[in-house]
Amino acid sequence: MRNTKLAFALAALAASASLWGQTAPEAEVAKRLLDQGKFAEAVKILEPVAKASRDYIETQYLLAQAYRLNGQWDEAEKTTQWMLDLRPEFVGGLWEAALIREYLKDFSGAVDLMNMVYHRTPATNVNARIAVLEDLARIFDKQENKKDGGLLHKEIVRLKGTQRETANSSPR
């Protein structure tokens, strides 16, 4: 389930790749490795590319994600900070920062960052919004905040329902 969620998040963020800047060709290979759960292999491919092209935001994002998923938290934090220094408005950097805050048990910081991500995600990008809400709900669950977690779970179900309605409706 985590790998499908990762693939979903990558796809959602890749949809806005034109805002990220240039992309290294190795990024596509790394995306496939991340989808397959081969995090260490993705790190090996991305590290030299990221060093050679420090301003390729997508490469930095993928590297930060690979580090985090591979359990290399210090490297994930440094790379995420680089992204935020490079482009503070970059949603992928904010999302990674939120996940790192969650790992560090800074739940209020994680919630603040996830809220920023949610509000910067277009309402038309339902899949990305669902992914953010699922992350927020998980954080609330860790805090044993059943009220807010429950509200988020209801909103997730509602949004998933709108996806099915859209998929089942015929174009006019």
Foldseek 3Di string as FASTA:
>chain_A
DVLVLLLLLVVLLVVVLVVQDDDDPCLVVLSVCSSVLNLVVSLVSLVVVCVVCVSRLSSLLSNLVSCVSVVVLVSNVVSLVSSCVNPVLRLSSLQSVLVSCVVVVVLVSSLVSLVSSLVPRDPVSLSNNLSSLVVNLVSCVVVVVCVVSVVSVVVSVVSVVVVVVVVPDDDD
